[in-house]
Amino acid sequence: MDAQQLDQLHGFFVALWCYYHKKTGQFDHKYWADRLDQLEISWSIQNAVAIAAENREINYIYFSTLIDRLNIIRE
């Protein structure tokens, strides 16, 4: 996964985490699905990050640690 993909995946995680736990506005599912698909980020990675965002405690670790825990390989 390259830097641009990681950056967008991080944005996706933050937006989804805030939606779940801060109840801030709406989450634009179509935008994020289209954007992450355009960057060729697999659905399995998108789903793993979305599931992680549901966990309130995950906010207390670095995103890079989350990526490592999910076994996502960075370039």
N, C-alpha and C. Protein backbone atom coordinates (compact mmCIF):
# COMPACT_ATOMS: atom_id res chain seq x y z
N MET A 1 0.85 -1.17 0.00
CA MET A 1 0.00 0.00 0.00
C MET A 1 0.90 1.23 0.00
N ASP A 2 0.64 2.15 -0.93
CA ASP A 2 1.50 3.34 -1.03
C ASP A 2 1.00 4.46 -0.11
N ALA A 3 1.75 5.55 -0.10
CA ALA A 3 1.45 6.66 0.82
C ALA A 3 0.09 7.28 0.55
N GLN A 4 -0.29 7.43 -0.72
CA GLN A 4 -1.58 8.02 -1.04
C GLN A 4 -2.72 7.12 -0.57
N GLN A 5 -2.59 5.83 -0.78
CA GLN A 5 -3.61 4.90 -0.32
C GLN A 5 -3.74 4.94 1.20
N LEU A 6 -2.60 4.95 1.89
CA LEU A 6 -2.63 5.01 3.36
C LEU A 6 -3.27 6.30 3.85
N ASP A 7 -2.95 7.40 3.19
CA ASP A 7 -3.52 8.69 3.57
C ASP A 7 -5.04 8.68 3.45
N GLN A 8 -5.54 8.17 2.34
CA GLN A 8 -6.99 8.11 2.14
C GLN A 8 -7.65 7.11 3.08
N LEU A 9 -6.98 6.00 3.34
CA LEU A 9 -7.51 5.01 4.27
C LEU A 9 -7.59 5.60 5.68
N HIS A 10 -6.60 6.42 6.03
CA HIS A 10 -6.62 7.09 7.34
C HIS A 10 -7.79 8.07 7.41
N GLY A 11 -8.01 8.82 6.34
CA GLY A 11 -9.15 9.74 6.30
C GLY A 11 -10.47 9.00 6.44
N PHE A 12 -10.58 7.87 5.77
CA PHE A 12 -11.76 7.01 5.87
C PHE A 12 -11.97 6.55 7.31
N PHE A 13 -10.91 6.09 7.95
CA PHE A 13 -10.98 5.63 9.33
C PHE A 13 -11.44 6.75 10.26
N VAL A 14 -10.84 7.92 10.14
CA VAL A 14 -11.18 9.05 11.02
C VAL A 14 -12.63 9.47 10.80
N ALA A 15 -13.04 9.59 9.54
CA ALA A 15 -14.42 9.99 9.25
C ALA A 15 -15.41 8.99 9.83
N LEU A 16 -15.13 7.73 9.67
CA LEU A 16 -16.03 6.69 10.17
C LEU A 16 -16.02 6.62 11.69
N TRP A 17 -14.84 6.75 12.30
CA TRP A 17 -14.74 6.73 13.75
C TRP A 17 -15.54 7.89 14.35
N CYS A 18 -15.38 9.07 13.77
CA CYS A 18 -16.13 10.24 14.27
C CYS A 18 -17.63 10.05 14.09
N TYR A 19 -18.03 9.47 12.97
CA TYR A 19 -19.44 9.22 12.74
C TYR A 19 -20.00 8.27 13.80
N TYR A 20 -19.28 7.19 14.09
CA TYR A 20 -19.75 6.21 15.07
C TYR A 20 -19.74 6.76 16.50
N HIS A 21 -18.71 7.48 16.86
CA HIS A 21 -18.50 7.80 18.27
C HIS A 21 -18.72 9.26 18.65
N LYS A 22 -18.55 10.15 17.72
CA LYS A 22 -18.77 11.57 18.01
C LYS A 22 -20.12 12.04 17.50
N LYS A 23 -20.75 11.19 16.71
CA LYS A 23 -22.07 11.50 16.13
C LYS A 23 -22.03 12.81 15.35
N THR A 24 -20.94 13.02 14.60
CA THR A 24 -20.76 14.26 13.85
C THR A 24 -21.27 14.10 12.42
N GLY A 25 -22.38 14.70 12.16
CA GLY A 25 -22.91 14.76 10.81
C GLY A 25 -23.21 13.42 10.18
N GLN A 26 -23.04 13.39 8.88
CA GLN A 26 -23.35 12.21 8.09
C GLN A 26 -22.05 11.60 7.57
N PHE A 27 -22.10 10.33 7.31
CA PHE A 27 -20.96 9.65 6.70
C PHE A 27 -21.33 9.37 5.25
N ASP A 28 -20.52 9.84 4.32
CA ASP A 28 -20.80 9.69 2.89
C ASP A 28 -20.23 8.36 2.39
N HIS A 29 -21.04 7.32 2.51
CA HIS A 29 -20.61 5.98 2.12
C HIS A 29 -20.20 5.91 0.65
N LYS A 30 -20.98 6.52 -0.22
CA LYS A 30 -20.68 6.47 -1.65
C LYS A 30 -19.35 7.14 -1.96
N TYR A 31 -19.11 8.31 -1.38
CA TYR A 31 -17.84 9.00 -1.63
C TYR A 31 -16.66 8.12 -1.24
N TRP A 32 -16.71 7.57 -0.03
CA TRP A 32 -15.57 6.79 0.45
C TRP A 32 -15.42 5.49 -0.33
N ALA A 33 -16.51 4.83 -0.66
CA ALA A 33 -16.43 3.59 -1.45
C ALA A 33 -15.83 3.88 -2.82
N ASP A 34 -16.30 4.92 -3.47
CA ASP A 34 -15.77 5.28 -4.79
C ASP A 34 -14.30 5.68 -4.71
N ARG A 35 -13.96 6.49 -3.71
CA ARG A 35 -12.58 6.97 -3.57
C ARG A 35 -11.61 5.82 -3.29
N LEU A 36 -11.96 4.95 -2.36
CA LEU A 36 -11.06 3.85 -2.01
C LEU A 36 -10.99 2.82 -3.14
N ASP A 37 -12.10 2.61 -3.84
CA ASP A 37 -12.09 1.71 -5.00
C ASP A 37 -11.21 2.29 -6.11
N GLN A 38 -11.31 3.60 -6.32
CA GLN A 38 -10.50 4.27 -7.34
C GLN A 38 -9.00 4.09 -7.07
N LEU A 39 -8.64 4.06 -5.80
CA LEU A 39 -7.24 3.87 -5.42
C LEU A 39 -6.85 2.40 -5.33
N GLU A 40 -7.79 1.54 -5.70
CA GLU A 40 -7.58 0.09 -5.73
C GLU A 40 -7.24 -0.49 -4.35
N ILE A 41 -7.94 0.03 -3.34
CA ILE A 41 -7.83 -0.53 -1.99
C ILE A 41 -8.89 -1.61 -1.88
N SER A 42 -8.46 -2.81 -1.59
CA SER A 42 -9.38 -3.96 -1.61
C SER A 42 -10.51 -3.80 -0.60
N TRP A 43 -11.60 -4.45 -0.93
CA TRP A 43 -12.76 -4.43 -0.02
C TRP A 43 -12.41 -5.05 1.31
N SER A 44 -11.57 -6.05 1.31
CA SER A 44 -11.23 -6.70 2.59
C SER A 44 -10.50 -5.72 3.51
N ILE A 45 -9.65 -4.88 2.95
CA ILE A 45 -8.95 -3.88 3.76
C ILE A 45 -9.95 -2.81 4.20
N GLN A 46 -10.80 -2.35 3.29
CA GLN A 46 -11.81 -1.36 3.65
C GLN A 46 -12.68 -1.88 4.78
N ASN A 47 -13.11 -3.12 4.68
CA ASN A 47 -13.97 -3.71 5.70
C ASN A 47 -13.25 -3.85 7.03
N ALA A 48 -11.98 -4.26 7.00
CA ALA A 48 -11.22 -4.43 8.24
C ALA A 48 -11.05 -3.09 8.95
N VAL A 49 -10.78 -2.03 8.19
CA VAL A 49 -10.63 -0.70 8.80
C VAL A 49 -11.99 -0.21 9.31
N ALA A 50 -13.05 -0.47 8.59
CA ALA A 50 -14.39 -0.06 9.04
C ALA A 50 -14.77 -0.76 10.34
N ILE A 51 -14.47 -2.04 10.43
CA ILE A 51 -14.76 -2.78 11.67
C ILE A 51 -13.95 -2.23 12.83
N ALA A 52 -12.68 -1.92 12.57
CA ALA A 52 -11.82 -1.34 13.62
C ALA A 52 -12.38 0.00 14.10
N ALA A 53 -12.93 0.79 13.17
CA ALA A 53 -13.47 2.11 13.54
C ALA A 53 -14.65 2.01 14.48
N GLU A 54 -15.33 0.88 14.49
CA GLU A 54 -16.46 0.70 15.41
C GLU A 54 -16.01 0.62 16.87
N ASN A 55 -14.75 0.27 17.09
CA ASN A 55 -14.21 0.11 18.44
C ASN A 55 -13.71 1.46 18.96
N ARG A 56 -14.37 2.00 19.96
CA ARG A 56 -14.02 3.30 20.52
C ARG A 56 -12.58 3.32 21.02
N GLU A 57 -12.11 2.24 21.61
CA GLU A 57 -10.76 2.19 22.20
C GLU A 57 -9.65 2.25 21.15
N ILE A 58 -9.96 1.91 19.92
CA ILE A 58 -8.93 1.89 18.88
C ILE A 58 -8.41 3.29 18.60
N ASN A 59 -9.14 4.31 18.99
CA ASN A 59 -8.71 5.69 18.79
C ASN A 59 -7.46 6.02 19.59
N TYR A 60 -7.13 5.21 20.56
CA TYR A 60 -6.00 5.51 21.44
C TYR A 60 -4.70 4.86 20.98
N ILE A 61 -4.69 4.32 19.76
CA ILE A 61 -3.44 3.82 19.20
C ILE A 61 -3.15 4.59 17.91
N TYR A 62 -1.90 4.60 17.51
CA TYR A 62 -1.53 5.24 16.26
C TYR A 62 -2.14 4.48 15.08
N PHE A 63 -2.46 5.20 14.02
CA PHE A 63 -3.01 4.56 12.83
C PHE A 63 -2.01 3.55 12.26
N SER A 64 -0.73 3.88 12.33
CA SER A 64 0.29 2.95 11.83
C SER A 64 0.27 1.63 12.61
N THR A 65 -0.02 1.71 13.90
CA THR A 65 -0.14 0.49 14.71
C THR A 65 -1.35 -0.31 14.27
N LEU A 66 -2.45 0.37 14.00
CA LEU A 66 -3.65 -0.32 13.51
C LEU A 66 -3.34 -1.03 12.19
N ILE A 67 -2.67 -0.35 11.29
CA ILE A 67 -2.31 -0.93 10.00
C ILE A 67 -1.46 -2.19 10.21
N ASP A 68 -0.51 -2.11 11.14
CA ASP A 68 0.32 -3.28 11.44
C ASP A 68 -0.52 -4.42 12.02
N ARG A 69 -1.43 -4.10 12.92
CA ARG A 69 -2.29 -5.12 13.52
C ARG A 69 -3.19 -5.81 12.50
N LEU A 70 -3.55 -5.05 11.47
CA LEU A 70 -4.40 -5.61 10.42
C LEU A 70 -3.58 -6.31 9.33
N ASN A 71 -2.26 -6.36 9.52
CA ASN A 71 -1.34 -7.01 8.57
C ASN A 71 -1.39 -6.41 7.18
N ILE A 72 -1.54 -5.07 7.13
CA ILE A 72 -1.53 -4.37 5.86
C ILE A 72 -0.08 -3.96 5.57
N ILE A 73 0.40 -4.35 4.42
CA ILE A 73 1.80 -4.10 4.07
C ILE A 73 1.92 -2.73 3.43
N ARG A 74 2.86 -1.94 3.95
CA ARG A 74 3.11 -0.59 3.44
C ARG A 74 4.33 -0.62 2.53
N GLU A 75 4.32 0.25 1.52
CA GLU A 75 5.48 0.39 0.64
C GLU A 75 6.46 1.37 1.21
